[in-house]
Amino acid sequence: MAAIDVDHCARAYQWNTRVLSYKPADNQWSALGDNPFLPNCDSAIAKKDDNFAVVSGEIKPGLRTPDVKSL
């Protein structure tokens, strides 16, 4: 297995900035919009009215953030 280079800053990884939603019943992915913050992997999203909260997640290989971001 190849080693992961974690020495770069989070922006250097150029992760996807789109917020995606998956509907298991339809087996469909949809884009909810762009995330203006550092992209997260494996984060949770909560919706209230027209706002979304992106909770925690990995911002680069091996580095998780406790941040909550409001979109």
PDB file of N, CA and C in Angstrom:
ATOM      1  N   MET A   1       0.837  -1.167   0.000  1.00  0.00           N
ATOM      2  CA  MET A   1       0.000   0.000   0.000  1.00  0.00           C
ATOM      3  C   MET A   1       0.892   1.242   0.000  1.00  0.00           C
ATOM      4  N   ALA A   2       0.530   2.213  -0.821  1.00  0.00           N
ATOM      5  CA  ALA A   2       1.323   3.440  -0.911  1.00  0.00           C
ATOM      6  C   ALA A   2       1.098   4.329   0.302  1.00  0.00           C
ATOM      7  N   ALA A   3       2.136   5.014   0.713  1.00  0.00           N
ATOM      8  CA  ALA A   3       2.029   5.946   1.836  1.00  0.00           C
ATOM      9  C   ALA A   3       1.280   7.195   1.404  1.00  0.00           C
ATOM     10  N   ILE A   4       0.536   7.789   2.313  1.00  0.00           N
ATOM     11  CA  ILE A   4      -0.189   9.023   2.039  1.00  0.00           C
ATOM     12  C   ILE A   4       0.655  10.192   2.529  1.00  0.00           C
ATOM     13  N   ASP A   5       0.869  11.166   1.650  1.00  0.00           N
ATOM     14  CA  ASP A   5       1.650  12.352   2.003  1.00  0.00           C
ATOM     15  C   ASP A   5       0.731  13.335   2.721  1.00  0.00           C
ATOM     16  N   VAL A   6       0.908  13.512   4.028  1.00  0.00           N
ATOM     17  CA  VAL A   6       0.048  14.401   4.806  1.00  0.00           C
ATOM     18  C   VAL A   6       0.748  15.707   5.164  1.00  0.00           C
ATOM     19  N   ASP A   7       1.872  15.983   4.523  1.00  0.00           N
ATOM     20  CA  ASP A   7       2.642  17.177   4.853  1.00  0.00           C
ATOM     21  C   ASP A   7       2.112  18.454   4.201  1.00  0.00           C
ATOM     22  N   HIS A   8       1.251  18.332   3.206  1.00  0.00           N
ATOM     23  CA  HIS A   8       0.724  19.507   2.507  1.00  0.00           C
ATOM     24  C   HIS A   8      -0.376  20.173   3.329  1.00  0.00           C
ATOM     25  N   CYS A   9      -0.626  21.460   3.057  1.00  0.00           N
ATOM     26  CA  CYS A   9      -1.756  22.136   3.688  1.00  0.00           C
ATOM     27  C   CYS A   9      -3.047  21.553   3.100  1.00  0.00           C
ATOM     28  N   ALA A  10      -4.144  21.732   3.801  1.00  0.00           N
ATOM     29  CA  ALA A  10      -5.410  21.117   3.384  1.00  0.00           C
ATOM     30  C   ALA A  10      -5.833  21.538   1.975  1.00  0.00           C
ATOM     31  N   ARG A  11      -5.648  22.803   1.599  1.00  0.00           N
ATOM     32  CA  ARG A  11      -6.047  23.268   0.256  1.00  0.00           C
ATOM     33  C   ARG A  11      -5.271  22.573  -0.864  1.00  0.00           C
ATOM     34  N   ALA A  12      -4.069  22.112  -0.594  1.00  0.00           N
ATOM     35  CA  ALA A  12      -3.237  21.480  -1.620  1.00  0.00           C
ATOM     36  C   ALA A  12      -3.853  20.185  -2.150  1.00  0.00           C
ATOM     37  N   TYR A  13      -4.746  19.559  -1.394  1.00  0.00           N
ATOM     38  CA  TYR A  13      -5.349  18.295  -1.825  1.00  0.00           C
ATOM     39  C   TYR A  13      -6.468  18.498  -2.823  1.00  0.00           C
ATOM     40  N   GLN A  14      -6.972  19.714  -2.953  1.00  0.00           N
ATOM     41  CA  GLN A  14      -8.005  20.076  -3.935  1.00  0.00           C
ATOM     42  C   GLN A  14      -9.191  19.116  -3.916  1.00  0.00           C
ATOM     43  N   TRP A  15      -9.687  18.840  -2.731  1.00  0.00           N
ATOM     44  CA  TRP A  15     -10.852  17.965  -2.613  1.00  0.00           C
ATOM     45  C   TRP A  15     -12.081  18.641  -3.196  1.00  0.00           C
ATOM     46  N   ASN A  16     -13.068  17.855  -3.557  1.00  0.00           N
ATOM     47  CA  ASN A  16     -14.318  18.322  -4.131  1.00  0.00           C
ATOM     48  C   ASN A  16     -15.003  19.323  -3.189  1.00  0.00           C
ATOM     49  N   THR A  17     -15.467  20.442  -3.717  1.00  0.00           N
ATOM     50  CA  THR A  17     -16.128  21.463  -2.896  1.00  0.00           C
ATOM     51  C   THR A  17     -17.651  21.332  -2.913  1.00  0.00           C
ATOM     52  N   ARG A  18     -18.180  20.411  -3.709  1.00  0.00           N
ATOM     53  CA  ARG A  18     -19.637  20.255  -3.778  1.00  0.00           C
ATOM     54  C   ARG A  18     -20.159  19.481  -2.567  1.00  0.00           C
ATOM     55  N   VAL A  19     -21.324  19.899  -2.078  1.00  0.00           N
ATOM     56  CA  VAL A  19     -22.017  19.168  -1.017  1.00  0.00           C
ATOM     57  C   VAL A  19     -22.985  18.233  -1.717  1.00  0.00           C
ATOM     58  N   LEU A  20     -22.829  16.932  -1.473  1.00  0.00           N
ATOM     59  CA  LEU A  20     -23.637  15.924  -2.150  1.00  0.00           C
ATOM     60  C   LEU A  20     -24.611  15.264  -1.191  1.00  0.00           C
ATOM     61  N   SER A  21     -25.741  14.839  -1.722  1.00  0.00           N
ATOM     62  CA  SER A  21     -26.762  14.138  -0.943  1.00  0.00           C
ATOM     63  C   SER A  21     -27.093  12.837  -1.654  1.00  0.00           C
ATOM     64  N   TYR A  22     -27.304  11.774  -0.875  1.00  0.00           N
ATOM     65  CA  TYR A  22     -27.647  10.462  -1.446  1.00  0.00           C
ATOM     66  C   TYR A  22     -29.004  10.024  -0.925  1.00  0.00           C
ATOM     67  N   LYS A  23     -29.891   9.614  -1.830  1.00  0.00           N
ATOM     68  CA  LYS A  23     -31.206   9.080  -1.469  1.00  0.00           C
ATOM     69  C   LYS A  23     -31.182   7.573  -1.704  1.00  0.00           C
ATOM     70  N   PRO A  24     -31.058   6.778  -0.641  1.00  0.00           N
ATOM     71  CA  PRO A  24     -30.983   5.321  -0.812  1.00  0.00           C
ATOM     72  C   PRO A  24     -32.215   4.735  -1.504  1.00  0.00           C
ATOM     73  N   ALA A  25     -33.389   5.271  -1.218  1.00  0.00           N
ATOM     74  CA  ALA A  25     -34.611   4.724  -1.815  1.00  0.00           C
ATOM     75  C   ALA A  25     -34.593   4.805  -3.334  1.00  0.00           C
ATOM     76  N   ASP A  26     -33.964   5.868  -3.868  1.00  0.00           N
ATOM     77  CA  ASP A  26     -33.889   6.065  -5.317  1.00  0.00           C
ATOM     78  C   ASP A  26     -32.529   5.695  -5.900  1.00  0.00           C
ATOM     79  N   ASN A  27     -31.557   5.385  -5.020  1.00  0.00           N
ATOM     80  CA  ASN A  27     -30.188   5.122  -5.447  1.00  0.00           C
ATOM     81  C   ASN A  27     -29.658   6.283  -6.294  1.00  0.00           C
ATOM     82  N   GLN A  28     -29.904   7.518  -5.805  1.00  0.00           N
ATOM     83  CA  GLN A  28     -29.545   8.723  -6.554  1.00  0.00           C
ATOM     84  C   GLN A  28     -28.713   9.674  -5.708  1.00  0.00           C
ATOM     85  N   TRP A  29     -27.691  10.256  -6.341  1.00  0.00           N
ATOM     86  CA  TRP A  29     -26.892  11.332  -5.752  1.00  0.00           C
ATOM     87  C   TRP A  29     -27.357  12.645  -6.350  1.00  0.00           C
ATOM     88  N   SER A  30     -27.330  13.713  -5.542  1.00  0.00           N
ATOM     89  CA  SER A  30     -27.610  15.046  -6.075  1.00  0.00           C
ATOM     90  C   SER A  30     -26.678  16.044  -5.412  1.00  0.00           C
ATOM     91  N   ALA A  31     -26.400  17.127  -6.117  1.00  0.00           N
ATOM     92  CA  ALA A  31     -25.540  18.189  -5.593  1.00  0.00           C
ATOM     93  C   ALA A  31     -26.424  19.232  -4.931  1.00  0.00           C
ATOM     94  N   LEU A  32     -26.113  19.575  -3.681  1.00  0.00           N
ATOM     95  CA  LEU A  32     -26.869  20.586  -2.950  1.00  0.00           C
ATOM     96  C   LEU A  32     -26.289  21.983  -3.155  1.00  0.00           C
ATOM     97  N   GLY A  33     -25.060  22.053  -3.618  1.00  0.00           N
ATOM     98  CA  GLY A  33     -24.400  23.336  -3.831  1.00  0.00           C
ATOM     99  C   GLY A  33     -22.928  23.236  -3.512  1.00  0.00           C
ATOM    100  N   ASP A  34     -22.242  24.371  -3.582  1.00  0.00           N
ATOM    101  CA  ASP A  34     -20.815  24.412  -3.293  1.00  0.00           C
ATOM    102  C   ASP A  34     -20.567  24.802  -1.842  1.00  0.00           C
ATOM    103  N   ASN A  35     -19.561  24.197  -1.252  1.00  0.00           N
ATOM    104  CA  ASN A  35     -19.132  24.478   0.106  1.00  0.00           C
ATOM    105  C   ASN A  35     -18.064  25.569   0.030  1.00  0.00           C
ATOM    106  N   PRO A  36     -18.312  26.758   0.595  1.00  0.00           N
ATOM    107  CA  PRO A  36     -17.321  27.834   0.514  1.00  0.00           C
ATOM    108  C   PRO A  36     -16.143  27.643   1.481  1.00  0.00           C
ATOM    109  N   PHE A  37     -16.213  26.620   2.319  1.00  0.00           N
ATOM    110  CA  PHE A  37     -15.163  26.343   3.296  1.00  0.00           C
ATOM    111  C   PHE A  37     -14.238  25.262   2.768  1.00  0.00           C
ATOM    112  N   LEU A  38     -13.220  24.895   3.544  1.00  0.00           N
ATOM    113  CA  LEU A  38     -12.394  23.743   3.169  1.00  0.00           C
ATOM    114  C   LEU A  38     -13.294  22.525   3.033  1.00  0.00           C
ATOM    115  N   PRO A  39     -13.162  21.762   1.964  1.00  0.00           N
ATOM    116  CA  PRO A  39     -14.000  20.577   1.795  1.00  0.00           C
ATOM    117  C   PRO A  39     -13.775  19.566   2.918  1.00  0.00           C
ATOM    118  N   ASN A  40     -14.823  18.853   3.257  1.00  0.00           N
ATOM    119  CA  ASN A  40     -14.770  17.808   4.278  1.00  0.00           C
ATOM    120  C   ASN A  40     -15.102  16.461   3.649  1.00  0.00           C
ATOM    121  N   CYS A  41     -14.494  15.414   4.153  1.00  0.00           N
ATOM    122  CA  CYS A  41     -14.892  14.048   3.830  1.00  0.00           C
ATOM    123  C   CYS A  41     -15.495  13.447   5.087  1.00  0.00           C
ATOM    124  N   ASP A  42     -16.484  12.599   4.914  1.00  0.00           N
ATOM    125  CA  ASP A  42     -17.071  11.856   6.024  1.00  0.00           C
ATOM    126  C   ASP A  42     -17.637  12.781   7.095  1.00  0.00           C
ATOM    127  N   SER A  43     -18.288  13.863   6.682  1.00  0.00           N
ATOM    128  CA  SER A  43     -18.907  14.777   7.640  1.00  0.00           C
ATOM    129  C   SER A  43     -20.400  14.478   7.706  1.00  0.00           C
ATOM    130  N   ALA A  44     -21.053  15.034   8.704  1.00  0.00           N
ATOM    131  CA  ALA A  44     -22.505  14.933   8.824  1.00  0.00           C
ATOM    132  C   ALA A  44     -23.105  16.271   8.400  1.00  0.00           C
ATOM    133  N   ILE A  45     -24.323  16.220   7.875  1.00  0.00           N
ATOM    134  CA  ILE A  45     -25.015  17.439   7.475  1.00  0.00           C
ATOM    135  C   ILE A  45     -26.402  17.435   8.100  1.00  0.00           C
ATOM    136  N   ALA A  46     -26.781  18.564   8.660  1.00  0.00           N
ATOM    137  CA  ALA A  46     -28.125  18.741   9.211  1.00  0.00           C
ATOM    138  C   ALA A  46     -28.776  19.923   8.507  1.00  0.00           C
ATOM    139  N   LYS A  47     -30.077  19.797   8.194  1.00  0.00           N
ATOM    140  CA  LYS A  47     -30.801  20.858   7.494  1.00  0.00           C
ATOM    141  C   LYS A  47     -31.863  21.437   8.413  1.00  0.00           C
ATOM    142  N   LYS A  48     -31.942  22.765   8.441  1.00  0.00           N
ATOM    143  CA  LYS A  48     -33.011  23.461   9.151  1.00  0.00           C
ATOM    144  C   LYS A  48     -33.458  24.613   8.269  1.00  0.00           C
ATOM    145  N   ASP A  49     -34.721  24.587   7.878  1.00  0.00           N
ATOM    146  CA  ASP A  49     -35.269  25.567   6.943  1.00  0.00           C
ATOM    147  C   ASP A  49     -34.426  25.544   5.669  1.00  0.00           C
ATOM    148  N   ASP A  50     -33.834  26.688   5.286  1.00  0.00           N
ATOM    149  CA  ASP A  50     -33.013  26.746   4.073  1.00  0.00           C
ATOM    150  C   ASP A  50     -31.524  26.707   4.384  1.00  0.00           C
ATOM    151  N   ASN A  51     -31.156  26.365   5.610  1.00  0.00           N
ATOM    152  CA  ASN A  51     -29.751  26.351   6.027  1.00  0.00           C
ATOM    153  C   ASN A  51     -29.263  24.931   6.282  1.00  0.00           C
ATOM    154  N   PHE A  52     -27.966  24.736   6.054  1.00  0.00           N
ATOM    155  CA  PHE A  52     -27.326  23.454   6.314  1.00  0.00           C
ATOM    156  C   PHE A  52     -26.172  23.667   7.285  1.00  0.00           C
ATOM    157  N   ALA A  53     -25.951  22.710   8.153  1.00  0.00           N
ATOM    158  CA  ALA A  53     -24.776  22.703   9.022  1.00  0.00           C
ATOM    159  C   ALA A  53     -23.927  21.505   8.630  1.00  0.00           C
ATOM    160  N   VAL A  54     -22.661  21.754   8.305  1.00  0.00           N
ATOM    161  CA  VAL A  54     -21.704  20.696   7.987  1.00  0.00           C
ATOM    162  C   VAL A  54     -20.902  20.455   9.268  1.00  0.00           C
ATOM    163  N   VAL A  55     -20.977  19.243   9.804  1.00  0.00           N
ATOM    164  CA  VAL A  55     -20.420  18.940  11.116  1.00  0.00           C
ATOM    165  C   VAL A  55     -19.207  18.034  10.990  1.00  0.00           C
ATOM    166  N   SER A  56     -18.095  18.492  11.495  1.00  0.00           N
ATOM    167  CA  SER A  56     -16.853  17.724  11.594  1.00  0.00           C
ATOM    168  C   SER A  56     -16.385  17.247  10.224  1.00  0.00           C
ATOM    169  N   GLY A  57     -15.656  16.166  10.167  1.00  0.00           N
ATOM    170  CA  GLY A  57     -15.153  15.600   8.925  1.00  0.00           C
ATOM    171  C   GLY A  57     -13.644  15.741   8.793  1.00  0.00           C
ATOM    172  N   GLU A  58     -13.118  15.065   7.801  1.00  0.00           N
ATOM    173  CA  GLU A  58     -11.679  15.057   7.526  1.00  0.00           C
ATOM    174  C   GLU A  58     -11.380  16.141   6.492  1.00  0.00           C
ATOM    175  N   ILE A  59     -10.430  17.038   6.792  1.00  0.00           N
ATOM    176  CA  ILE A  59     -10.105  18.133   5.867  1.00  0.00           C
ATOM    177  C   ILE A  59      -8.842  17.861   5.060  1.00  0.00           C
ATOM    178  N   LYS A  60      -8.111  16.826   5.424  1.00  0.00           N
ATOM    179  CA  LYS A  60      -6.993  16.307   4.634  1.00  0.00           C
ATOM    180  C   LYS A  60      -6.697  14.923   5.199  1.00  0.00           C
ATOM    181  N   PRO A  61      -5.951  14.100   4.485  1.00  0.00           N
ATOM    182  CA  PRO A  61      -5.712  12.743   4.975  1.00  0.00           C
ATOM    183  C   PRO A  61      -5.171  12.735   6.408  1.00  0.00           C
ATOM    184  N   GLY A  62      -5.921  12.063   7.286  1.00  0.00           N
ATOM    185  CA  GLY A  62      -5.488  11.900   8.666  1.00  0.00           C
ATOM    186  C   GLY A  62      -5.779  13.066   9.590  1.00  0.00           C
ATOM    187  N   LEU A  63      -6.445  14.135   9.103  1.00  0.00           N
ATOM    188  CA  LEU A  63      -6.725  15.292   9.950  1.00  0.00           C
ATOM    189  C   LEU A  63      -8.220  15.587   9.952  1.00  0.00           C
ATOM    190  N   ARG A  64      -8.866  15.325  11.101  1.00  0.00           N
ATOM    191  CA  ARG A  64     -10.287  15.630  11.265  1.00  0.00           C
ATOM    192  C   ARG A  64     -10.438  16.972  11.948  1.00  0.00           C
ATOM    193  N   THR A  65     -11.547  17.645  11.684  1.00  0.00           N
ATOM    194  CA  THR A  65     -11.840  18.926  12.306  1.00  0.00           C
ATOM    195  C   THR A  65     -13.087  18.811  13.163  1.00  0.00           C
ATOM    196  N   PRO A  66     -13.132  19.477  14.311  1.00  0.00           N
ATOM    197  CA  PRO A  66     -14.356  19.504  15.123  1.00  0.00           C
ATOM    198  C   PRO A  66     -15.303  20.629  14.701  1.00  0.00           C
ATOM    199  N   ASP A  67     -14.936  21.392  13.674  1.00  0.00           N
ATOM    200  CA  ASP A  67     -15.685  22.577  13.274  1.00  0.00           C
ATOM    201  C   ASP A  67     -17.100  22.236  12.784  1.00  0.00           C
ATOM    202  N   VAL A  68     -18.021  23.164  13.032  1.00  0.00           N
ATOM    203  CA  VAL A  68     -19.365  23.125  12.471  1.00  0.00           C
ATOM    204  C   VAL A  68     -19.488  24.355  11.588  1.00  0.00           C
ATOM    205  N   LYS A  69     -19.865  24.131  10.333  1.00  0.00           N
ATOM    206  CA  LYS A  69     -19.936  25.219   9.342  1.00  0.00           C
ATOM    207  C   LYS A  69     -21.372  25.382   8.893  1.00  0.00           C
ATOM    208  N   SER A  70     -21.832  26.599   8.799  1.00  0.00           N
ATOM    209  CA  SER A  70     -23.203  26.872   8.387  1.00  0.00           C
ATOM    210  C   SER A  70     -23.222  27.351   6.936  1.00  0.00           C
ATOM    211  N   LEU A  71     -24.072  26.742   6.143  1.00  0.00           N
ATOM    212  CA  LEU A  71     -24.219  27.114   4.732  1.00  0.00           C
ATOM    213  C   LEU A  71     -25.612  27.646   4.500  1.00  0.00           C
TER     214      LEU A  71
END
